[in-house]
Amino acid sequence: MEEPAVELIEERKPTSLLVAQFFLFPLIIIAICVGIFLLFGYLTYEQRSPREFLNAIQSGSEAQRWQSAYEFSNFVSTKKEKLDPELIGDVIAAYRNSQNGDVRVRRYLAVAIGRIGDKRAVPSLIEGLEDSDTENQIYTLSALGFIGDNSAVPGVVKQLKHPDPSVRKVAAYVLGAIKDPSAAHDLQIALNDVKDEVRWNAAMALARMDDPAGADLLVSLLDRGYVDSIPDMTAAQKVELVVNAVKCLAILKYQPARGKIVELSQSDPVLVVRSVALEALKKF
C-alpha cells in the first residue's frame, strides 16, 4: 500500500531571530575580535620602551617604522620625563636620517622632537625646512615653535617668503611663539601678504612682541559680522580667530579696541568669547 505523501511545511523563524542570526551575532564576533586586537596593541604599547620605539623606527618594516614613530610621539607627549637624555641625541639622528624615507616617519619624529624641546635639535630641524614636501616643512616649523629657540629665527623668517601660504602662515605663527624682536621687520612686511591668514598671524606675532604694527588689522577681527562672513572656515575656527585677536589686543593694551571688546563681553553669542573679552578688559 502506497504511503501517503507528507506535505513539507517551511518553518519560518521570527524576523527578530533572523536579524540576530545574520547581523547581530557576526557583529558581536567582530567587536570581540577588534577588542582583543586593541587590548593586545595597548598592552604592547605600554610595555615598549623608548629605545624599542626607536629601534623599530630605524630597522622595522615600513608599516612598523611609521606606526612606531607615531606611538613614540604620543609617548613623549605624556612621559617625556622618562626619556634617557642620551636617547635624545639618537632621536635627532633618526630625524636626520629620515630625509629620504617615509614622510610619515619624518613628520612624527618632528612632532616628538618638538615635544621633547631640546635645543640641540634646532640645526637638524632648520635643515628639514629645506624638504621638498610642504607638509614636512609645516611639521618642522611647528617643532621649532615648540622648542622656541632664537637661533631658529633666520630659518623661520625665510619661510615667510615661501610660495605656499600655509607655510607662510605657520612661519608667522612660530615667530610669534619664539618672540624674538629681530623678526619684527619681516613680520611687518608680512602684514601686506596676499593671504588673509598670513596677515592675521603676522599681526598676532607682532602683538606677542608688544609691537602694535598690526593692531588695526586685529581690531577688524572683532567685527563678528565680518568674521562670520569669512568663507572656508568652520564656526570653531572663527571663534578661535576672534579669541586670539582679543588676547593679542589685550597684550598691547590697544585703547582703540576697548569699546569693541566691551561689546563682545556683553553681547557675543559665544560664551568663550564673552569670557575672554571680560578677562582682556582687566588688562586695559
C-alpha atoms as a PDB file:
ATOM      1  CA  MET A   1       0.000   0.000   0.000  1.00  0.00           C
ATOM      2  CA  GLU A   2       1.454   3.368  -1.023  1.00  0.00           C
ATOM      3  CA  GLU A   3       2.466   5.652   1.816  1.00  0.00           C
ATOM      4  CA  PRO A   4       0.573   8.924   1.930  1.00  0.00           C
ATOM      5  CA  ALA A   5       2.563  11.913   0.785  1.00  0.00           C
ATOM      6  CA  VAL A   6       3.882  14.036   3.566  1.00  0.00           C
ATOM      7  CA  GLU A   7       3.470  17.738   2.941  1.00  0.00           C
ATOM      8  CA  LEU A   8       6.639  19.657   3.763  1.00  0.00           C
ATOM      9  CA  ILE A   9       5.893  22.759   5.757  1.00  0.00           C
ATOM     10  CA  GLU A  10       8.571  25.513   5.780  1.00  0.00           C
ATOM     11  CA  GLU A  11       9.418  26.535   9.281  1.00  0.00           C
ATOM     12  CA  ARG A  12       9.635  30.332   9.359  1.00  0.00           C
ATOM     13  CA  LYS A  13      11.838  31.913  12.008  1.00  0.00           C
ATOM     14  CA  PRO A  14      10.726  35.132  13.584  1.00  0.00           C
ATOM     15  CA  THR A  15      12.168  38.184  11.861  1.00  0.00           C
ATOM     16  CA  SER A  16      13.976  39.240  15.021  1.00  0.00           C
ATOM     17  CA  LEU A  17      15.728  35.865  15.169  1.00  0.00           C
ATOM     18  CA  LEU A  18      16.837  36.169  11.550  1.00  0.00           C
ATOM     19  CA  VAL A  19      18.216  39.620  12.212  1.00  0.00           C
ATOM     20  CA  ALA A  20      20.109  38.326  15.212  1.00  0.00           C
ATOM     21  CA  GLN A  21      21.440  35.351  13.261  1.00  0.00           C
ATOM     22  CA  PHE A  22      22.642  37.207  10.197  1.00  0.00           C
ATOM     23  CA  PHE A  23      23.594  40.622  11.614  1.00  0.00           C
ATOM     24  CA  LEU A  24      23.820  40.820  15.378  1.00  0.00           C
ATOM     25  CA  PHE A  25      25.843  37.690  16.079  1.00  0.00           C
ATOM     26  CA  PRO A  26      28.517  38.406  13.411  1.00  0.00           C
ATOM     27  CA  LEU A  27      28.799  41.974  14.690  1.00  0.00           C
ATOM     28  CA  ILE A  28      29.344  40.702  18.217  1.00  0.00           C
ATOM     29  CA  ILE A  29      32.080  38.379  16.984  1.00  0.00           C
ATOM     30  CA  ILE A  30      33.740  41.214  15.070  1.00  0.00           C
ATOM     31  CA  ALA A  31      33.507  43.501  18.103  1.00  0.00           C
ATOM     32  CA  ILE A  32      35.142  40.866  20.293  1.00  0.00           C
ATOM     33  CA  CYS A  33      37.968  40.378  17.782  1.00  0.00           C
ATOM     34  CA  VAL A  34      38.547  44.126  17.480  1.00  0.00           C
ATOM     35  CA  GLY A  35      38.511  44.463  21.259  1.00  0.00           C
ATOM     36  CA  ILE A  36      41.112  41.723  21.636  1.00  0.00           C
ATOM     37  CA  PHE A  37      43.250  43.361  18.957  1.00  0.00           C
ATOM     38  CA  LEU A  38      43.058  46.787  20.615  1.00  0.00           C
ATOM     39  CA  LEU A  39      43.753  45.328  24.049  1.00  0.00           C
ATOM     40  CA  PHE A  40      46.786  43.482  22.719  1.00  0.00           C
ATOM     41  CA  GLY A  41      48.002  46.639  20.988  1.00  0.00           C
ATOM     42  CA  TYR A  42      47.502  48.648  24.169  1.00  0.00           C
ATOM     43  CA  LEU A  43      49.412  46.143  26.281  1.00  0.00           C
ATOM     44  CA  THR A  44      52.189  46.008  23.709  1.00  0.00           C
ATOM     45  CA  TYR A  45      52.351  49.795  23.595  1.00  0.00           C
ATOM     46  CA  GLU A  46      52.526  50.044  27.382  1.00  0.00           C
ATOM     47  CA  GLN A  47      55.371  47.534  27.527  1.00  0.00           C
ATOM     48  CA  ARG A  48      57.571  49.129  24.871  1.00  0.00           C
ATOM     49  CA  SER A  49      60.423  51.311  25.994  1.00  0.00           C
ATOM     50  CA  PRO A  50      61.566  54.484  24.200  1.00  0.00           C
ATOM     51  CA  ARG A  51      64.605  52.562  22.940  1.00  0.00           C
ATOM     52  CA  GLU A  52      62.367  49.859  21.479  1.00  0.00           C
ATOM     53  CA  PHE A  53      60.306  52.507  19.705  1.00  0.00           C
ATOM     54  CA  LEU A  54      63.462  54.000  18.246  1.00  0.00           C
ATOM     55  CA  ASN A  55      64.825  50.611  17.158  1.00  0.00           C
ATOM     56  CA  ALA A  56      61.549  49.890  15.352  1.00  0.00           C
ATOM     57  CA  ILE A  57      61.676  53.304  13.677  1.00  0.00           C
ATOM     58  CA  GLN A  58      65.186  52.647  12.420  1.00  0.00           C
ATOM     59  CA  SER A  59      65.045  48.973  11.451  1.00  0.00           C
ATOM     60  CA  GLY A  60      61.415  47.790  11.405  1.00  0.00           C
ATOM     61  CA  SER A  61      59.237  47.088   8.410  1.00  0.00           C
ATOM     62  CA  GLU A  62      57.740  50.004   6.508  1.00  0.00           C
ATOM     63  CA  ALA A  63      54.497  49.820   8.499  1.00  0.00           C
ATOM     64  CA  GLN A  64      56.332  49.355  11.793  1.00  0.00           C
ATOM     65  CA  ARG A  65      58.513  52.406  11.220  1.00  0.00           C
ATOM     66  CA  TRP A  66      55.775  54.990  10.790  1.00  0.00           C
ATOM     67  CA  GLN A  67      53.500  53.396  13.407  1.00  0.00           C
ATOM     68  CA  SER A  68      56.346  53.341  15.916  1.00  0.00           C
ATOM     69  CA  ALA A  69      57.161  56.968  15.119  1.00  0.00           C
ATOM     70  CA  TYR A  70      53.523  57.883  15.754  1.00  0.00           C
ATOM     71  CA  GLU A  71      53.417  55.932  19.032  1.00  0.00           C
ATOM     72  CA  PHE A  72      56.726  57.416  20.118  1.00  0.00           C
ATOM     73  CA  SER A  73      55.412  60.957  19.561  1.00  0.00           C
ATOM     74  CA  ASN A  74      52.427  60.099  21.780  1.00  0.00           C
ATOM     75  CA  PHE A  75      54.723  58.569  24.389  1.00  0.00           C
ATOM     76  CA  VAL A  76      56.800  61.731  24.510  1.00  0.00           C
ATOM     77  CA  SER A  77      53.706  63.912  24.974  1.00  0.00           C
ATOM     78  CA  THR A  78      52.785  62.120  28.210  1.00  0.00           C
ATOM     79  CA  LYS A  79      56.016  60.608  29.532  1.00  0.00           C
ATOM     80  CA  LYS A  80      58.783  62.931  28.396  1.00  0.00           C
ATOM     81  CA  GLU A  81      60.391  62.765  31.827  1.00  0.00           C
ATOM     82  CA  LYS A  82      61.111  59.051  31.315  1.00  0.00           C
ATOM     83  CA  LEU A  83      63.386  59.698  28.339  1.00  0.00           C
ATOM     84  CA  ASP A  84      67.073  58.950  28.796  1.00  0.00           C
ATOM     85  CA  PRO A  85      68.985  62.157  27.896  1.00  0.00           C
ATOM     86  CA  GLU A  86      71.381  60.052  25.828  1.00  0.00           C
ATOM     87  CA  LEU A  87      68.445  58.778  23.752  1.00  0.00           C
ATOM     88  CA  ILE A  88      67.516  62.281  22.643  1.00  0.00           C
ATOM     89  CA  GLY A  89      70.649  62.522  20.514  1.00  0.00           C
ATOM     90  CA  ASP A  90      69.651  59.271  18.810  1.00  0.00           C
ATOM     91  CA  VAL A  91      66.155  60.625  18.144  1.00  0.00           C
ATOM     92  CA  ILE A  92      67.650  63.690  16.479  1.00  0.00           C
ATOM     93  CA  ALA A  93      69.922  61.431  14.405  1.00  0.00           C
ATOM     94  CA  ALA A  94      66.901  59.341  13.392  1.00  0.00           C
ATOM     95  CA  TYR A  95      65.183  62.522  12.204  1.00  0.00           C
ATOM     96  CA  ARG A  96      68.215  63.494  10.120  1.00  0.00           C
ATOM     97  CA  ASN A  97      68.352  60.010   8.598  1.00  0.00           C
ATOM     98  CA  SER A  98      64.638  60.057   7.725  1.00  0.00           C
ATOM     99  CA  GLN A  99      65.062  62.646   4.983  1.00  0.00           C
ATOM    100  CA  ASN A 100      64.666  60.224   2.082  1.00  0.00           C
ATOM    101  CA  GLY A 101      62.296  57.783   3.783  1.00  0.00           C
ATOM    102  CA  ASP A 102      58.603  57.602   4.613  1.00  0.00           C
ATOM    103  CA  VAL A 103      57.333  61.151   5.106  1.00  0.00           C
ATOM    104  CA  ARG A 104      55.130  59.965   7.968  1.00  0.00           C
ATOM    105  CA  VAL A 105      58.183  58.849   9.945  1.00  0.00           C
ATOM    106  CA  ARG A 106      59.820  62.232   9.428  1.00  0.00           C
ATOM    107  CA  ARG A 107      56.704  64.148  10.442  1.00  0.00           C
ATOM    108  CA  TYR A 108      56.061  62.157  13.625  1.00  0.00           C
ATOM    109  CA  LEU A 109      59.718  62.416  14.610  1.00  0.00           C
ATOM    110  CA  ALA A 110      59.469  66.183  14.170  1.00  0.00           C
ATOM    111  CA  VAL A 111      56.424  66.175  16.464  1.00  0.00           C
ATOM    112  CA  ALA A 112      58.314  64.105  19.045  1.00  0.00           C
ATOM    113  CA  ILE A 113      61.368  66.369  18.895  1.00  0.00           C
ATOM    114  CA  GLY A 114      59.201  69.449  19.339  1.00  0.00           C
ATOM    115  CA  ARG A 115      57.560  67.914  22.390  1.00  0.00           C
ATOM    116  CA  ILE A 116      60.949  66.958  23.822  1.00  0.00           C
ATOM    117  CA  GLY A 117      62.016  70.579  23.393  1.00  0.00           C
ATOM    118  CA  ASP A 118      65.774  70.002  23.233  1.00  0.00           C
ATOM    119  CA  LYS A 119      67.620  72.915  21.592  1.00  0.00           C
ATOM    120  CA  ARG A 120      70.227  70.557  20.171  1.00  0.00           C
ATOM    121  CA  ALA A 121      67.642  69.585  17.547  1.00  0.00           C
ATOM    122  CA  VAL A 122      67.363  73.086  16.077  1.00  0.00           C
ATOM    123  CA  PRO A 123      70.126  72.759  13.420  1.00  0.00           C
ATOM    124  CA  SER A 124      68.633  69.491  12.133  1.00  0.00           C
ATOM    125  CA  LEU A 125      65.138  70.990  12.052  1.00  0.00           C
ATOM    126  CA  ILE A 126      66.420  74.040  10.172  1.00  0.00           C
ATOM    127  CA  GLU A 127      67.812  71.648   7.562  1.00  0.00           C
ATOM    128  CA  GLY A 128      64.384  69.996   7.491  1.00  0.00           C
ATOM    129  CA  LEU A 129      62.846  73.288   6.356  1.00  0.00           C
ATOM    130  CA  GLU A 130      64.515  72.627   3.004  1.00  0.00           C
ATOM    131  CA  ASP A 131      62.434  69.458   2.446  1.00  0.00           C
ATOM    132  CA  SER A 132      60.533  69.444  -0.830  1.00  0.00           C
ATOM    133  CA  ASP A 133      57.383  68.207   0.918  1.00  0.00           C
ATOM    134  CA  THR A 134      55.267  71.119   2.164  1.00  0.00           C
ATOM    135  CA  GLU A 135      53.662  69.125   4.973  1.00  0.00           C
ATOM    136  CA  ASN A 136      57.108  68.140   6.230  1.00  0.00           C
ATOM    137  CA  GLN A 137      58.038  71.821   6.366  1.00  0.00           C
ATOM    138  CA  ILE A 138      54.912  72.656   8.367  1.00  0.00           C
ATOM    139  CA  TYR A 139      55.586  69.872  10.895  1.00  0.00           C
ATOM    140  CA  THR A 140      59.188  71.045  11.205  1.00  0.00           C
ATOM    141  CA  LEU A 141      58.145  74.671  11.721  1.00  0.00           C
ATOM    142  CA  SER A 142      55.756  73.569  14.446  1.00  0.00           C
ATOM    143  CA  ALA A 143      58.554  71.665  16.194  1.00  0.00           C
ATOM    144  CA  LEU A 144      60.726  74.791  16.120  1.00  0.00           C
ATOM    145  CA  GLY A 145      57.846  76.755  17.621  1.00  0.00           C
ATOM    146  CA  PHE A 146      57.567  74.287  20.497  1.00  0.00           C
ATOM    147  CA  ILE A 147      61.300  74.493  21.184  1.00  0.00           C
ATOM    148  CA  GLY A 148      61.226  78.294  20.975  1.00  0.00           C
ATOM    149  CA  ASP A 149      64.946  78.884  20.481  1.00  0.00           C
ATOM    150  CA  ASN A 150      66.058  82.209  18.997  1.00  0.00           C
ATOM    151  CA  SER A 151      68.678  80.538  16.820  1.00  0.00           C
ATOM    152  CA  ALA A 152      65.829  79.231  14.635  1.00  0.00           C
ATOM    153  CA  VAL A 153      64.593  82.721  13.722  1.00  0.00           C
ATOM    154  CA  PRO A 154      66.616  83.261  10.499  1.00  0.00           C
ATOM    155  CA  GLY A 155      65.469  79.927   9.101  1.00  0.00           C
ATOM    156  CA  VAL A 156      61.847  80.538  10.041  1.00  0.00           C
ATOM    157  CA  VAL A 157      61.888  84.099   8.684  1.00  0.00           C
ATOM    158  CA  LYS A 158      62.997  82.696   5.344  1.00  0.00           C
ATOM    159  CA  GLN A 159      59.734  80.727   5.189  1.00  0.00           C
ATOM    160  CA  LEU A 160      57.704  83.946   5.218  1.00  0.00           C
ATOM    161  CA  LYS A 161      58.537  84.112   1.503  1.00  0.00           C
ATOM    162  CA  HIS A 162      57.537  80.511   0.773  1.00  0.00           C
ATOM    163  CA  PRO A 163      55.259  80.107  -2.276  1.00  0.00           C
ATOM    164  CA  ASP A 164      52.726  78.107  -0.232  1.00  0.00           C
ATOM    165  CA  PRO A 165      50.590  80.351   2.023  1.00  0.00           C
ATOM    166  CA  SER A 166      50.128  77.500   4.520  1.00  0.00           C
ATOM    167  CA  VAL A 167      53.861  77.527   5.186  1.00  0.00           C
ATOM    168  CA  ARG A 168      53.953  81.333   5.420  1.00  0.00           C
ATOM    169  CA  LYS A 169      51.052  81.298   7.881  1.00  0.00           C
ATOM    170  CA  VAL A 170      52.720  78.755  10.182  1.00  0.00           C
ATOM    171  CA  ALA A 171      56.069  80.570   9.921  1.00  0.00           C
ATOM    172  CA  ALA A 172      54.434  83.796  11.132  1.00  0.00           C
ATOM    173  CA  TYR A 173      52.769  81.935  13.995  1.00  0.00           C
ATOM    174  CA  VAL A 174      56.050  80.294  15.032  1.00  0.00           C
ATOM    175  CA  LEU A 175      57.853  83.640  15.083  1.00  0.00           C
ATOM    176  CA  GLY A 176      55.174  84.841  17.471  1.00  0.00           C
ATOM    177  CA  ALA A 177      55.818  81.821  19.674  1.00  0.00           C
ATOM    178  CA  ILE A 178      59.574  82.494  19.723  1.00  0.00           C
ATOM    179  CA  LYS A 179      59.068  86.248  20.338  1.00  0.00           C
ATOM    180  CA  ASP A 180      62.418  87.380  19.000  1.00  0.00           C
ATOM    181  CA  PRO A 181      62.245  91.112  18.123  1.00  0.00           C
ATOM    182  CA  SER A 182      64.730  90.591  15.307  1.00  0.00           C
ATOM    183  CA  ALA A 183      61.868  89.093  13.271  1.00  0.00           C
ATOM    184  CA  ALA A 184      59.646  92.174  13.661  1.00  0.00           C
ATOM    185  CA  HIS A 185      60.651  93.850  10.384  1.00  0.00           C
ATOM    186  CA  ASP A 186      59.916  90.733   8.317  1.00  0.00           C
ATOM    187  CA  LEU A 187      56.598  90.268  10.098  1.00  0.00           C
ATOM    188  CA  GLN A 188      55.676  93.861   9.336  1.00  0.00           C
ATOM    189  CA  ILE A 189      56.287  93.118   5.662  1.00  0.00           C
ATOM    190  CA  ALA A 190      54.079  90.014   6.025  1.00  0.00           C
ATOM    191  CA  LEU A 191      51.218  92.300   7.088  1.00  0.00           C
ATOM    192  CA  ASN A 192      50.898  93.023   3.355  1.00  0.00           C
ATOM    193  CA  ASP A 193      50.724  89.373   2.299  1.00  0.00           C
ATOM    194  CA  VAL A 194      48.116  88.498  -0.308  1.00  0.00           C
ATOM    195  CA  LYS A 195      46.540  85.930   2.026  1.00  0.00           C
ATOM    196  CA  ASP A 196      44.388  86.958   4.978  1.00  0.00           C
ATOM    197  CA  GLU A 197      45.572  84.161   7.280  1.00  0.00           C
ATOM    198  CA  VAL A 198      49.216  85.130   6.791  1.00  0.00           C
ATOM    199  CA  ARG A 199      48.421  88.764   7.617  1.00  0.00           C
ATOM    200  CA  TRP A 200      46.420  87.772  10.712  1.00  0.00           C
ATOM    201  CA  ASN A 201      49.189  85.537  12.026  1.00  0.00           C
ATOM    202  CA  ALA A 202      51.802  88.206  11.356  1.00  0.00           C
ATOM    203  CA  ALA A 203      49.721  90.771  13.277  1.00  0.00           C
ATOM    204  CA  MET A 204      49.301  88.371  16.208  1.00  0.00           C
ATOM    205  CA  ALA A 205      53.005  87.507  16.210  1.00  0.00           C
ATOM    206  CA  LEU A 206      53.896  91.189  16.357  1.00  0.00           C
ATOM    207  CA  ALA A 207      51.446  91.751  19.205  1.00  0.00           C
ATOM    208  CA  ARG A 208      53.134  88.983  21.186  1.00  0.00           C
ATOM    209  CA  MET A 209      56.335  91.002  20.788  1.00  0.00           C
ATOM    210  CA  ASP A 210      54.471  94.103  22.036  1.00  0.00           C
ATOM    211  CA  ASP A 211      54.617  95.611  18.544  1.00  0.00           C
ATOM    212  CA  PRO A 212      51.336  97.335  17.539  1.00  0.00           C
ATOM    213  CA  ALA A 213      52.079  97.435  13.799  1.00  0.00           C
ATOM    214  CA  GLY A 214      49.216  95.035  13.053  1.00  0.00           C
ATOM    215  CA  ALA A 215      46.819  96.251  15.737  1.00  0.00           C
ATOM    216  CA  ASP A 216      44.292  97.806  13.349  1.00  0.00           C
ATOM    217  CA  LEU A 217      44.138  94.544  11.435  1.00  0.00           C
ATOM    218  CA  LEU A 218      43.367  92.731  14.688  1.00  0.00           C
ATOM    219  CA  VAL A 219      40.625  95.244  15.518  1.00  0.00           C
ATOM    220  CA  SER A 220      38.887  94.283  12.268  1.00  0.00           C
ATOM    221  CA  LEU A 221      38.663  90.717  13.629  1.00  0.00           C
ATOM    222  CA  LEU A 222      36.483  91.944  16.491  1.00  0.00           C
ATOM    223  CA  ASP A 223      33.715  92.580  13.965  1.00  0.00           C
ATOM    224  CA  ARG A 224      31.648  89.395  14.233  1.00  0.00           C
ATOM    225  CA  GLY A 225      29.744  90.202  11.068  1.00  0.00           C
ATOM    226  CA  TYR A 226      32.997  90.353   9.121  1.00  0.00           C
ATOM    227  CA  VAL A 227      34.447  87.208  10.699  1.00  0.00           C
ATOM    228  CA  ASP A 228      31.242  85.216  10.220  1.00  0.00           C
ATOM    229  CA  SER A 229      31.308  86.093   6.518  1.00  0.00           C
ATOM    230  CA  ILE A 230      34.784  84.612   6.008  1.00  0.00           C
ATOM    231  CA  PRO A 231      34.471  81.582   3.687  1.00  0.00           C
ATOM    232  CA  ASP A 232      36.121  78.194   4.164  1.00  0.00           C
ATOM    233  CA  MET A 233      36.325  78.449   7.954  1.00  0.00           C
ATOM    234  CA  THR A 234      34.387  76.420  10.485  1.00  0.00           C
ATOM    235  CA  ALA A 235      32.420  78.092  13.265  1.00  0.00           C
ATOM    236  CA  ALA A 236      35.035  76.890  15.769  1.00  0.00           C
ATOM    237  CA  GLN A 237      37.866  78.401  13.715  1.00  0.00           C
ATOM    238  CA  LYS A 238      36.042  81.726  13.559  1.00  0.00           C
ATOM    239  CA  VAL A 239      35.603  81.751  17.333  1.00  0.00           C
ATOM    240  CA  GLU A 240      39.294  80.947  17.764  1.00  0.00           C
ATOM    241  CA  LEU A 241      40.207  83.807  15.431  1.00  0.00           C
ATOM    242  CA  VAL A 242      38.185  86.326  17.455  1.00  0.00           C
ATOM    243  CA  VAL A 243      39.519  84.985  20.764  1.00  0.00           C
ATOM    244  CA  ASN A 244      43.140  85.257  19.627  1.00  0.00           C
ATOM    245  CA  ALA A 245      42.587  88.788  18.317  1.00  0.00           C
ATOM    246  CA  VAL A 246      41.111  89.832  21.683  1.00  0.00           C
ATOM    247  CA  LYS A 247      44.039  88.290  23.585  1.00  0.00           C
ATOM    248  CA  CYS A 248      46.627  89.985  21.378  1.00  0.00           C
ATOM    249  CA  LEU A 249      44.956  93.394  21.632  1.00  0.00           C
ATOM    250  CA  ALA A 250      44.905  92.947  25.411  1.00  0.00           C
ATOM    251  CA  ILE A 251      48.659  92.316  25.348  1.00  0.00           C
ATOM    252  CA  LEU A 252      49.063  95.622  23.517  1.00  0.00           C
ATOM    253  CA  LYS A 253      46.506  97.401  25.739  1.00  0.00           C
ATOM    254  CA  TYR A 254      45.338  98.933  22.475  1.00  0.00           C
ATOM    255  CA  GLN A 255      42.822 101.554  23.551  1.00  0.00           C
ATOM    256  CA  PRO A 256      41.019 101.937  20.166  1.00  0.00           C
ATOM    257  CA  ALA A 257      39.932  98.279  20.576  1.00  0.00           C
ATOM    258  CA  ARG A 258      38.494  98.662  24.068  1.00  0.00           C
ATOM    259  CA  GLY A 259      34.976  99.658  23.030  1.00  0.00           C
ATOM    260  CA  LYS A 260      34.611  96.673  20.682  1.00  0.00           C
ATOM    261  CA  ILE A 261      35.935  94.305  23.351  1.00  0.00           C
ATOM    262  CA  VAL A 262      33.330  95.700  25.779  1.00  0.00           C
ATOM    263  CA  GLU A 263      30.635  94.918  23.194  1.00  0.00           C
ATOM    264  CA  LEU A 264      31.924  91.369  22.786  1.00  0.00           C
ATOM    265  CA  SER A 265      31.949  90.861  26.555  1.00  0.00           C
ATOM    266  CA  GLN A 266      28.296  91.874  26.792  1.00  0.00           C
ATOM    267  CA  SER A 267      26.587  90.545  23.694  1.00  0.00           C
ATOM    268  CA  ASP A 268      28.637  87.962  21.800  1.00  0.00           C
ATOM    269  CA  PRO A 269      26.573  84.786  21.302  1.00  0.00           C
ATOM    270  CA  VAL A 270      29.511  82.523  22.220  1.00  0.00           C
ATOM    271  CA  LEU A 271      30.259  82.145  25.921  1.00  0.00           C
ATOM    272  CA  VAL A 272      34.015  81.653  25.487  1.00  0.00           C
ATOM    273  CA  VAL A 273      34.286  84.920  23.522  1.00  0.00           C
ATOM    274  CA  ARG A 274      32.440  86.817  26.242  1.00  0.00           C
ATOM    275  CA  SER A 275      34.640  85.247  28.911  1.00  0.00           C
ATOM    276  CA  VAL A 276      37.909  86.028  27.100  1.00  0.00           C
ATOM    277  CA  ALA A 277      36.737  89.594  26.431  1.00  0.00           C
ATOM    278  CA  LEU A 278      35.986  90.120  30.137  1.00  0.00           C
ATOM    279  CA  GLU A 279      39.458  88.878  31.069  1.00  0.00           C
ATOM    280  CA  ALA A 280      41.031  91.092  28.407  1.00  0.00           C
ATOM    281  CA  LEU A 281      39.338  94.215  29.795  1.00  0.00           C
ATOM    282  CA  LYS A 282      41.177  93.718  33.097  1.00  0.00           C
ATOM    283  CA  LYS A 283      44.437  94.498  31.284  1.00  0.00           C
ATOM    284  CA  PHE A 284      43.323  97.878  29.913  1.00  0.00           C
END
